[in-house]
N, C-alpha and C. Protein backbone atom coordinates (compact mmCIF):
# COMPACT_ATOMS: atom_id res chain seq x y z
N MET A 1 29.30 155.99 77.47
CA MET A 1 29.20 155.33 76.06
C MET A 1 29.05 156.59 75.29
N ALA A 2 28.59 157.65 75.53
CA ALA A 2 28.76 158.85 75.12
C ALA A 2 27.48 158.97 74.14
N ASN A 3 27.64 159.22 72.70
CA ASN A 3 27.02 158.98 71.66
C ASN A 3 27.26 158.60 70.31
N THR A 4 28.28 157.80 70.68
CA THR A 4 28.24 156.49 69.60
C THR A 4 27.93 155.22 70.07
N ILE A 5 27.51 154.81 69.11
CA ILE A 5 26.40 153.10 69.15
C ILE A 5 27.09 152.23 68.06
N THR A 6 28.21 151.60 68.89
CA THR A 6 28.64 150.76 67.95
C THR A 6 28.35 149.53 66.75
N SER A 7 28.49 148.44 66.54
CA SER A 7 27.76 147.11 65.90
C SER A 7 27.31 146.29 67.02
N SER A 8 28.46 146.65 67.74
CA SER A 8 28.26 145.99 69.45
C SER A 8 26.96 145.80 70.74
N THR A 9 26.51 146.59 70.39
CA THR A 9 25.65 147.31 70.59
C THR A 9 24.58 147.05 70.64
N TRP A 10 23.26 146.52 71.41
CA TRP A 10 21.95 145.66 72.00
C TRP A 10 21.08 146.82 72.71
N ILE A 11 19.73 145.68 72.28
CA ILE A 11 19.04 146.63 73.13
C ILE A 11 18.05 145.67 73.68
N LYS A 12 17.31 145.74 74.85
CA LYS A 12 16.61 145.19 75.33
C LYS A 12 15.17 146.16 75.80
N ALA A 13 14.33 145.49 74.99
CA ALA A 13 13.01 146.09 75.38
C ALA A 13 11.84 145.19 76.12
N GLU A 14 11.40 145.63 77.07
CA GLU A 14 10.66 144.49 78.36
C GLU A 14 9.09 145.83 79.07
N PRO A 15 8.31 144.90 78.43
CA PRO A 15 7.07 145.80 78.36
C PRO A 15 6.96 145.52 80.17
N HIS A 16 7.06 147.06 80.40
CA HIS A 16 6.86 147.10 81.54
C HIS A 16 5.71 148.38 82.51
N ALA A 17 5.77 148.57 84.01
CA ALA A 17 4.91 150.22 83.91
C ALA A 17 6.01 150.95 83.87
N SER A 18 7.25 151.28 83.68
CA SER A 18 8.29 152.68 83.33
C SER A 18 7.80 152.94 82.05
N ALA A 19 7.89 151.97 80.61
CA ALA A 19 7.99 152.00 78.82
C ALA A 19 8.95 152.21 78.94
N GLU A 20 10.43 151.77 79.43
CA GLU A 20 11.67 151.95 79.11
C GLU A 20 12.24 150.88 77.69
N PHE A 21 13.62 151.33 77.83
CA PHE A 21 14.09 150.48 77.12
C PHE A 21 15.63 151.03 77.06
N GLN A 22 16.44 149.02 77.20
CA GLN A 22 17.89 149.41 77.88
C GLN A 22 18.37 149.45 76.20
N VAL A 23 19.97 150.46 76.34
CA VAL A 23 20.92 150.35 75.15
C VAL A 23 21.94 149.74 76.21
N GLY A 24 22.97 149.02 74.81
CA GLY A 24 24.13 149.01 76.03
C GLY A 24 24.81 148.33 74.99
N ASP A 25 26.64 148.30 76.24
CA ASP A 25 27.38 148.26 74.76
C ASP A 25 27.91 146.72 75.30
N SER A 26 28.09 145.88 75.81
CA SER A 26 27.99 144.89 76.03
C SER A 26 26.79 143.57 76.10
N ASP A 27 26.95 142.67 76.47
CA ASP A 27 26.24 141.42 76.25
C ASP A 27 24.76 141.94 77.83
N PRO A 28 23.47 141.93 76.72
CA PRO A 28 22.47 141.85 78.18
C PRO A 28 23.02 141.16 79.08
N GLY A 29 22.39 142.05 80.48
CA GLY A 29 22.44 141.27 81.70
C GLY A 29 23.50 142.00 82.15
N GLY A 30 24.45 141.94 81.41
CA GLY A 30 26.20 142.38 82.23
C GLY A 30 26.86 143.65 81.86
N ALA A 31 26.20 144.28 81.03
CA ALA A 31 26.22 145.86 80.66
C ALA A 31 26.60 146.80 81.96
N THR A 32 28.18 147.46 81.45
CA THR A 32 28.35 148.44 82.34
C THR A 32 27.61 149.34 81.41
N ASP A 33 27.39 149.90 80.64
CA ASP A 33 27.02 151.27 79.76
C ASP A 33 26.05 150.92 79.53
N VAL A 34 24.93 151.28 80.04
CA VAL A 34 23.23 151.14 79.92
C VAL A 34 22.77 152.53 79.89
N ILE A 35 22.00 152.76 78.76
CA ILE A 35 21.00 153.85 78.45
C ILE A 35 19.67 153.79 78.76
N ASN A 36 18.84 153.78 79.70
CA ASN A 36 17.50 153.79 79.26
C ASN A 36 17.00 154.79 78.77
N ARG A 37 15.93 154.61 77.76
CA ARG A 37 15.42 155.72 77.15
C ARG A 37 13.78 155.47 77.16
N PRO A 38 12.98 156.35 76.84
CA PRO A 38 11.42 156.20 77.43
C PRO A 38 10.89 156.14 76.04
N ALA A 39 10.24 155.21 75.91
CA ALA A 39 9.49 154.44 74.71
C ALA A 39 9.44 155.16 73.66
N LYS A 40 8.75 156.11 74.08
CA LYS A 40 8.51 157.18 72.88
C LYS A 40 9.61 157.48 71.87
N GLY A 41 10.86 158.05 72.36
CA GLY A 41 11.74 158.17 71.95
C GLY A 41 12.54 156.82 71.56
N THR A 42 12.09 154.91 71.02
CA THR A 42 12.87 154.42 70.71
C THR A 42 12.47 154.15 68.99
N GLN A 43 11.55 154.60 68.24
CA GLN A 43 12.16 154.49 66.91
C GLN A 43 13.35 155.25 66.03
N ALA A 44 13.01 156.69 67.37
CA ALA A 44 15.15 157.39 66.62
C ALA A 44 15.68 156.67 67.09
N ILE A 45 15.65 155.75 67.94
CA ILE A 45 17.30 155.27 68.72
C ILE A 45 17.26 153.66 67.25
N LEU A 46 16.49 153.13 67.45
CA LEU A 46 16.85 152.53 66.68
C LEU A 46 16.61 152.58 64.86
N ARG A 47 16.52 153.37 64.34
CA ARG A 47 16.67 153.70 63.33
C ARG A 47 18.44 154.40 63.04
N ARG A 48 18.86 154.88 64.22
CA ARG A 48 20.04 155.31 65.04
C ARG A 48 21.01 153.92 64.81
N ILE A 49 20.15 152.88 65.86
CA ILE A 49 21.57 152.02 65.50
C ILE A 49 21.29 150.95 64.03
N ILE A 50 20.52 151.50 63.37
CA ILE A 50 20.60 149.86 62.79
C ILE A 50 21.22 151.00 61.30
N GLU A 51 21.22 152.60 61.62
CA GLU A 51 21.89 153.15 60.10
C GLU A 51 23.05 152.48 60.75
N THR A 52 23.50 152.65 61.59
CA THR A 52 25.31 152.03 62.40
C THR A 52 25.87 151.26 62.76
N ILE A 53 25.09 150.03 62.57
CA ILE A 53 25.20 148.61 61.80
C ILE A 53 25.92 148.21 60.77
N PHE A 54 26.96 148.19 60.74
CA PHE A 54 27.11 148.60 58.30
C PHE A 54 27.32 147.15 57.67
N ASP A 55 27.85 146.12 58.97
CA ASP A 55 27.31 144.37 58.23
C ASP A 55 25.90 144.06 58.72
N GLY A 56 25.30 145.15 59.47
CA GLY A 56 23.77 144.00 59.10
C GLY A 56 23.70 143.12 61.11
N GLY A 57 22.47 143.47 60.72
CA GLY A 57 22.42 142.10 62.07
C GLY A 57 21.13 142.13 62.62
N THR A 58 20.68 140.65 63.69
CA THR A 58 19.43 139.69 63.15
C THR A 58 18.42 140.47 64.45
N PHE A 59 17.14 140.99 64.47
CA PHE A 59 16.28 140.90 65.64
C PHE A 59 15.63 139.91 65.78
N ASP A 60 15.95 139.35 67.51
CA ASP A 60 15.76 138.38 67.59
C ASP A 60 14.33 138.71 68.91
N PHE A 61 12.91 138.39 67.93
CA PHE A 61 12.46 139.13 69.21
C PHE A 61 11.49 137.47 69.97
N THR A 62 11.33 137.58 71.92
CA THR A 62 10.41 137.32 72.15
C THR A 62 9.47 137.97 72.77
N ALA A 63 9.15 136.74 73.70
CA ALA A 63 8.20 137.78 73.88
C ALA A 63 8.34 138.94 75.35
N THR A 64 8.99 139.09 75.69
CA THR A 64 9.50 140.45 76.80
C THR A 64 10.57 140.63 76.44
N THR A 65 11.77 140.15 75.12
CA THR A 65 12.80 140.82 74.56
C THR A 65 13.38 141.20 73.63
N THR A 66 13.84 142.14 72.98
CA THR A 66 14.64 142.61 71.75
C THR A 66 15.25 142.78 71.60
N THR A 67 16.55 142.15 71.16
CA THR A 67 18.01 141.93 70.73
C THR A 67 18.82 142.38 69.66
N VAL A 68 19.07 143.30 69.17
CA VAL A 68 19.94 143.41 67.90
C VAL A 68 21.03 142.25 67.75
N PHE A 69 21.82 141.57 66.76
CA PHE A 69 22.74 140.56 66.61
C PHE A 69 23.23 140.91 65.27
N ALA A 70 23.76 140.28 64.35
CA ALA A 70 24.19 139.68 63.97
C ALA A 70 23.57 140.03 62.69
N ASN A 71 22.34 140.34 61.01
CA ASN A 71 22.27 139.40 59.68
C ASN A 71 21.04 140.65 59.26
N LEU A 72 20.38 141.76 60.31
CA LEU A 72 19.73 142.23 60.02
C LEU A 72 18.58 141.48 59.48
N GLY A 73 18.31 140.61 60.00
CA GLY A 73 16.87 139.43 59.60
C GLY A 73 16.30 139.68 60.45
N ILE A 74 14.82 138.91 60.75
CA ILE A 74 14.01 139.11 61.90
C ILE A 74 13.54 137.50 62.32
N THR A 75 13.83 137.45 63.09
CA THR A 75 13.68 135.93 63.26
C THR A 75 12.24 135.59 64.84
N PRO A 76 11.55 135.11 64.49
CA PRO A 76 10.28 135.39 64.98
C PRO A 76 10.09 134.29 65.80
N GLN A 77 10.00 133.84 67.33
CA GLN A 77 9.83 132.96 67.94
C GLN A 77 9.17 131.39 67.69
N SER A 78 8.91 130.74 68.20
CA SER A 78 7.99 130.26 68.40
C SER A 78 6.51 130.22 69.08
N VAL A 79 5.57 129.87 68.19
CA VAL A 79 4.35 130.23 69.23
C VAL A 79 3.69 129.04 70.16
N SER A 80 3.43 129.23 71.85
CA SER A 80 3.72 128.31 72.51
C SER A 80 1.81 128.46 73.30
N GLY A 81 1.16 127.77 72.66
CA GLY A 81 0.08 128.05 73.23
C GLY A 81 -0.67 128.95 72.07
N THR A 82 -2.31 129.37 72.08
CA THR A 82 -2.51 129.76 71.62
C THR A 82 -2.23 131.25 70.49
N PRO A 83 -2.11 131.19 69.71
CA PRO A 83 -1.39 132.16 69.02
C PRO A 83 -2.17 133.92 69.00
N ALA A 84 -0.83 134.83 69.36
CA ALA A 84 -2.15 136.06 69.86
C ALA A 84 -2.45 136.39 68.54
N GLN A 85 -3.36 137.38 68.68
CA GLN A 85 -4.16 138.06 67.31
C GLN A 85 -2.80 138.28 66.51
N HIS A 86 -3.22 138.74 65.09
CA HIS A 86 -1.76 139.62 64.15
C HIS A 86 -0.29 139.93 64.65
N ALA A 87 0.02 138.69 65.29
CA ALA A 87 1.18 138.51 65.88
C ALA A 87 2.04 137.81 64.74
N LEU A 88 3.70 137.12 64.64
CA LEU A 88 4.15 137.05 64.02
C LEU A 88 5.08 135.99 64.64
N TYR A 89 5.00 134.66 63.85
CA TYR A 89 5.56 133.69 64.67
C TYR A 89 6.61 132.82 63.59
N ARG A 90 7.64 132.10 63.89
CA ARG A 90 8.05 130.86 62.82
C ARG A 90 7.51 130.46 61.77
N GLU A 91 6.06 129.85 62.53
CA GLU A 91 5.33 129.48 62.24
C GLU A 91 4.26 130.43 60.80
N SER A 92 3.91 130.99 60.79
CA SER A 92 3.37 131.99 60.35
C SER A 92 4.41 132.62 58.95
N VAL A 93 6.02 132.61 59.76
CA VAL A 93 6.24 133.07 58.08
C VAL A 93 6.59 132.30 56.90
N PRO A 94 5.97 132.34 56.02
CA PRO A 94 6.67 131.69 54.53
C PRO A 94 8.15 131.77 54.11
N LYS A 95 8.29 130.22 54.50
CA LYS A 95 10.15 130.61 54.04
C LYS A 95 10.67 129.99 52.26
N VAL A 96 9.60 130.27 51.97
CA VAL A 96 10.13 130.26 50.34
C VAL A 96 9.09 130.71 49.69
N TRP A 97 8.88 131.66 48.62
CA TRP A 97 8.05 132.10 47.99
C TRP A 97 9.08 132.37 46.34
N ALA A 98 7.31 132.19 45.38
CA ALA A 98 8.01 131.97 44.03
C ALA A 98 7.17 133.10 43.24
N ASN A 99 7.11 133.52 42.39
CA ASN A 99 6.64 134.04 41.17
C ASN A 99 7.09 133.52 39.88
N VAL A 100 6.77 132.02 39.14
CA VAL A 100 7.27 131.65 37.80
C VAL A 100 6.35 131.69 36.82
N SER A 101 6.76 132.39 35.47
CA SER A 101 6.86 132.69 34.21
C SER A 101 6.05 130.73 33.88
N ASP A 102 5.29 130.70 33.06
CA ASP A 102 4.99 130.31 31.78
C ASP A 102 6.18 129.36 30.79
N VAL A 103 7.20 130.18 30.89
CA VAL A 103 8.10 129.58 29.75
C VAL A 103 8.93 128.32 30.67
N PRO A 104 8.91 127.63 31.74
CA PRO A 104 8.98 128.19 32.79
C PRO A 104 10.46 129.00 33.69
N ALA A 105 10.41 129.69 33.97
CA ALA A 105 11.62 131.24 34.34
C ALA A 105 10.98 131.91 35.91
N LEU A 106 12.13 132.42 36.35
CA LEU A 106 11.66 132.52 38.20
C LEU A 106 11.61 134.54 37.31
N ASN A 107 10.10 135.27 38.26
CA ASN A 107 9.97 136.07 37.72
C ASN A 107 11.02 136.88 38.57
N ASP A 108 10.32 136.30 40.63
CA ASP A 108 10.88 136.80 40.99
C ASP A 108 10.45 135.79 42.00
N SER A 109 11.63 135.96 42.89
CA SER A 109 11.87 135.11 44.30
C SER A 109 12.58 134.83 45.59
N PHE A 110 12.26 133.52 46.99
CA PHE A 110 12.91 133.95 47.85
C PHE A 110 12.71 132.77 47.95
N ASN A 111 14.48 132.41 48.65
CA ASN A 111 14.87 130.89 48.94
C ASN A 111 15.14 129.92 47.46
N VAL A 112 14.55 130.52 46.37
CA VAL A 112 14.85 129.47 45.89
C VAL A 112 15.52 129.46 44.91
N VAL A 113 16.41 128.67 44.96
CA VAL A 113 17.56 127.69 43.69
C VAL A 113 17.26 127.97 42.39
N SER A 114 16.55 127.81 41.62
CA SER A 114 16.32 127.36 40.64
C SER A 114 15.04 126.96 40.08
N VAL A 115 14.27 126.78 39.09
CA VAL A 115 13.24 126.35 38.01
C VAL A 115 12.98 125.43 36.77
N ALA A 116 13.03 124.00 37.02
CA ALA A 116 13.53 123.75 35.79
C ALA A 116 11.51 122.55 34.83
N ASP A 117 11.96 123.27 33.66
CA ASP A 117 10.43 122.42 33.05
C ASP A 117 11.03 121.11 32.99
N ALA A 118 9.65 120.04 33.71
CA ALA A 118 10.01 118.61 33.62
C ALA A 118 9.00 118.30 32.98
N GLY A 119 8.52 118.89 32.07
CA GLY A 119 7.27 118.67 31.09
C GLY A 119 6.05 119.43 31.06
N ALA A 120 5.09 118.72 30.15
CA ALA A 120 3.92 119.83 29.57
C ALA A 120 3.24 120.20 31.68
N GLY A 121 3.54 121.27 31.60
CA GLY A 121 2.45 121.27 33.79
C GLY A 121 3.25 121.17 34.12
N ILE A 122 4.68 119.92 34.53
CA ILE A 122 5.04 120.21 35.36
C ILE A 122 6.64 120.92 35.52
N THR A 123 6.72 121.40 37.06
CA THR A 123 8.03 122.44 37.06
C THR A 123 8.62 122.51 38.27
N THR A 124 9.95 121.71 38.39
CA THR A 124 10.47 121.49 39.84
C THR A 124 11.27 122.73 40.04
N LEU A 125 10.71 123.17 41.81
CA LEU A 125 11.25 124.35 41.93
C LEU A 125 12.18 123.85 42.83
N THR A 126 13.37 124.16 42.52
CA THR A 126 14.63 123.59 43.31
C THR A 126 14.75 124.88 44.94
N ILE A 127 14.85 124.59 46.33
CA ILE A 127 14.54 125.16 47.46
C ILE A 127 16.07 125.64 47.47
N ASP A 128 16.72 126.98 47.64
CA ASP A 128 18.33 127.17 48.73
C ASP A 128 18.30 126.71 50.10
N ARG A 129 17.06 126.59 50.97
CA ARG A 129 17.67 126.80 52.79
C ARG A 129 16.78 125.20 52.54
N ASP A 130 16.71 123.89 52.37
CA ASP A 130 16.03 122.90 53.03
C ASP A 130 15.38 123.32 53.59
N PHE A 131 14.11 122.25 54.10
CA PHE A 131 13.27 122.29 55.06
C PHE A 131 13.76 120.78 55.54
N ALA A 132 13.09 121.04 57.24
CA ALA A 132 13.46 120.13 58.35
C ALA A 132 13.22 118.70 57.53
N ASN A 133 11.90 119.20 57.19
CA ASN A 133 10.77 117.41 56.75
C ASN A 133 10.30 118.01 55.58
N THR A 134 9.88 116.63 55.30
CA THR A 134 8.95 116.89 53.84
C THR A 134 7.29 117.41 54.05
N THR A 135 6.88 117.63 55.37
CA THR A 135 5.83 118.00 55.90
C THR A 135 5.38 119.42 55.93
N TYR A 136 6.13 120.23 54.41
CA TYR A 136 5.69 121.36 55.20
C TYR A 136 4.75 121.20 54.23
N SER A 137 3.92 122.77 53.79
CA SER A 137 2.81 123.01 53.30
C SER A 137 2.85 124.08 52.81
N PRO A 138 2.72 123.61 51.63
CA PRO A 138 3.03 124.22 49.99
C PRO A 138 1.66 125.49 49.51
N ILE A 139 1.84 126.25 49.76
CA ILE A 139 0.11 126.95 48.88
C ILE A 139 0.05 127.62 47.54
N GLY A 140 -0.48 127.65 46.53
CA GLY A 140 0.15 128.11 45.17
C GLY A 140 -1.47 128.58 44.87
N SER A 141 -1.13 129.41 43.12
CA SER A 141 -2.12 130.07 42.43
C SER A 141 -1.79 130.13 41.22
N GLY A 142 -2.68 129.50 40.20
CA GLY A 142 -2.43 130.12 38.65
C GLY A 142 -2.08 132.19 38.61
N ILE A 143 -1.57 132.60 38.30
CA ILE A 143 -1.28 134.19 37.38
C ILE A 143 -2.70 134.47 36.91
N THR A 144 -3.07 133.50 36.05
CA THR A 144 -4.50 134.17 35.16
C THR A 144 -5.52 132.98 34.94
N ASN A 145 -6.26 133.32 35.51
CA ASN A 145 -8.01 132.41 35.70
C ASN A 145 -8.54 131.88 35.04
N ASP A 146 -7.63 131.36 34.10
CA ASP A 146 -7.40 129.95 33.28
C ASP A 146 -7.11 128.53 33.50
N SER A 147 -6.24 129.05 34.43
CA SER A 147 -5.10 128.02 35.51
C SER A 147 -5.73 127.33 36.57
N THR A 148 -5.41 126.24 37.25
CA THR A 148 -5.45 125.58 38.67
C THR A 148 -3.64 125.20 38.91
N VAL A 149 -2.96 124.87 40.13
CA VAL A 149 -1.83 124.58 40.36
C VAL A 149 -1.90 123.51 41.39
N GLY A 150 -1.05 122.70 41.48
CA GLY A 150 -0.81 121.46 42.55
C GLY A 150 0.41 121.03 43.09
N PHE A 151 0.71 120.59 43.98
CA PHE A 151 1.91 119.70 44.78
C PHE A 151 1.58 119.01 44.35
N GLY A 152 3.06 118.35 44.46
CA GLY A 152 3.54 116.86 44.83
C GLY A 152 5.42 116.43 44.84
N SER A 153 5.89 115.41 45.09
CA SER A 153 6.68 114.85 45.53
C SER A 153 7.40 115.92 46.42
N LEU A 154 6.58 116.26 47.33
CA LEU A 154 8.03 117.12 48.41
C LEU A 154 9.18 116.20 48.53
N ALA A 155 10.35 117.05 48.78
CA ALA A 155 11.18 116.90 49.24
C ALA A 155 11.89 117.31 50.20
N VAL A 156 13.30 117.67 50.84
CA VAL A 156 13.53 118.57 51.79
C VAL A 156 13.71 120.20 50.64
N GLY A 157 14.41 119.91 49.67
CA GLY A 157 15.10 120.69 49.01
C GLY A 157 14.22 121.16 48.13
N SER A 158 13.14 120.22 47.39
CA SER A 158 12.61 120.58 45.81
C SER A 158 11.35 119.94 46.35
N LEU A 159 10.76 120.91 45.61
CA LEU A 159 8.83 120.34 45.19
C LEU A 159 8.81 120.48 43.50
N THR A 160 7.38 119.01 43.13
CA THR A 160 7.36 119.75 42.10
C THR A 160 5.52 120.06 42.22
N VAL A 161 5.84 120.77 40.60
CA VAL A 161 4.60 121.87 40.33
C VAL A 161 3.98 121.51 39.43
N PHE A 162 2.29 121.72 39.48
CA PHE A 162 2.09 120.67 38.41
C PHE A 162 1.10 122.25 38.82
N THR A 163 0.66 122.60 36.69
CA THR A 163 -0.33 123.75 36.06
C THR A 163 -1.45 123.13 35.20
N ALA A 164 -2.31 123.46 35.01
CA ALA A 164 -3.48 122.80 34.38
C ALA A 164 -4.30 123.71 33.72
N LEU A 165 -4.14 124.00 32.45
CA LEU A 165 -6.07 124.44 32.29
C LEU A 165 -7.12 123.86 33.49
N THR A 166 -7.75 124.78 33.62
CA THR A 166 -9.19 124.85 34.46
C THR A 166 -10.21 124.27 33.62
N ALA A 167 -10.40 124.60 32.49
CA ALA A 167 -11.96 124.29 31.60
C ALA A 167 -11.40 122.82 30.97
N SER A 168 -10.17 122.37 30.54
CA SER A 168 -10.54 120.98 30.02
C SER A 168 -9.43 120.14 31.07
N GLY A 169 -8.64 120.62 32.32
CA GLY A 169 -7.47 119.76 33.00
C GLY A 169 -6.72 119.10 32.73
N ALA A 170 -6.46 119.22 31.12
CA ALA A 170 -5.19 119.51 30.54
C ALA A 170 -3.78 119.88 31.29
N SER A 171 -3.21 119.75 31.47
CA SER A 171 -1.52 119.95 31.30
C SER A 171 -1.01 120.75 30.85
N SER A 172 -0.21 121.93 31.03
CA SER A 172 0.18 123.38 30.26
C SER A 172 0.83 124.06 31.23
N ASP A 173 2.04 124.61 30.76
CA ASP A 173 3.11 125.32 31.30
C ASP A 173 2.09 126.51 31.36
N LYS A 174 1.71 126.99 33.16
CA LYS A 174 1.00 128.06 33.55
C LYS A 174 1.80 128.86 33.98
N ALA A 175 1.25 130.21 34.29
CA ALA A 175 2.86 131.36 35.06
C ALA A 175 1.71 130.95 36.56
N PHE A 176 2.38 130.97 37.77
CA PHE A 176 1.67 130.29 38.51
C PHE A 176 2.33 131.44 40.07
N CYS A 177 2.35 131.20 41.13
CA CYS A 177 3.04 131.50 42.39
C CYS A 177 2.63 130.43 43.61
N CYS A 178 3.72 130.73 44.49
CA CYS A 178 3.41 129.82 45.52
C CYS A 178 3.98 130.47 46.40
N ALA A 179 3.98 129.63 47.42
CA ALA A 179 4.21 130.06 49.09
C ALA A 179 4.59 128.95 49.60
N ILE A 180 5.64 128.80 50.37
CA ILE A 180 5.92 127.60 50.91
C ILE A 180 6.15 127.70 52.90
N PHE A 181 5.25 127.49 53.96
CA PHE A 181 5.03 126.99 55.00
C PHE A 181 6.05 126.08 55.88
N GLY A 182 6.39 126.12 56.80
CA GLY A 182 6.97 124.59 57.43
C GLY A 182 8.24 124.92 58.10
N ASP A 183 8.76 124.36 58.96
CA ASP A 183 10.04 124.21 59.60
C ASP A 183 11.12 123.68 58.86
N GLN A 184 12.56 125.00 59.03
CA GLN A 184 14.19 124.69 58.37
C GLN A 184 14.73 124.22 58.94
């Protein structure tokens, strides 16, 4: 393997007494060129591998293994049993988030195609990657302290956001932020 790491390189990290991880140039478990590195060098090796992968890669985290694939996204595994403290699981990652102005228009977002004004205090948020079902959980807050936010009409690819004035309860176009958790 010399000193070159290619985009087909994989990393396998297993917690055990020797505190090592493996780097290879073919599929994990079948690699012929494997280098064992002490865990203390992990950060430098990972940085070198990530910088070398031109088209990106995906990190697939499981309880015992970390593998580099193509897309440079983190795909946490599902939780099994009681979740570990401060752990990242598929269920705990927001699949959508948005910061929406009172126009309404997207100030910033992730996995949102568009927002549309559906009336006074009513905004339709269209999601890019649909949810698996309509039992997802949206949470949100008004950006100003004089507004409230609610949700309705949950569909796999969109939902309705309601904004109102806190004092009177009157529907009003107000800026808001939201995040959505659920299966996609």
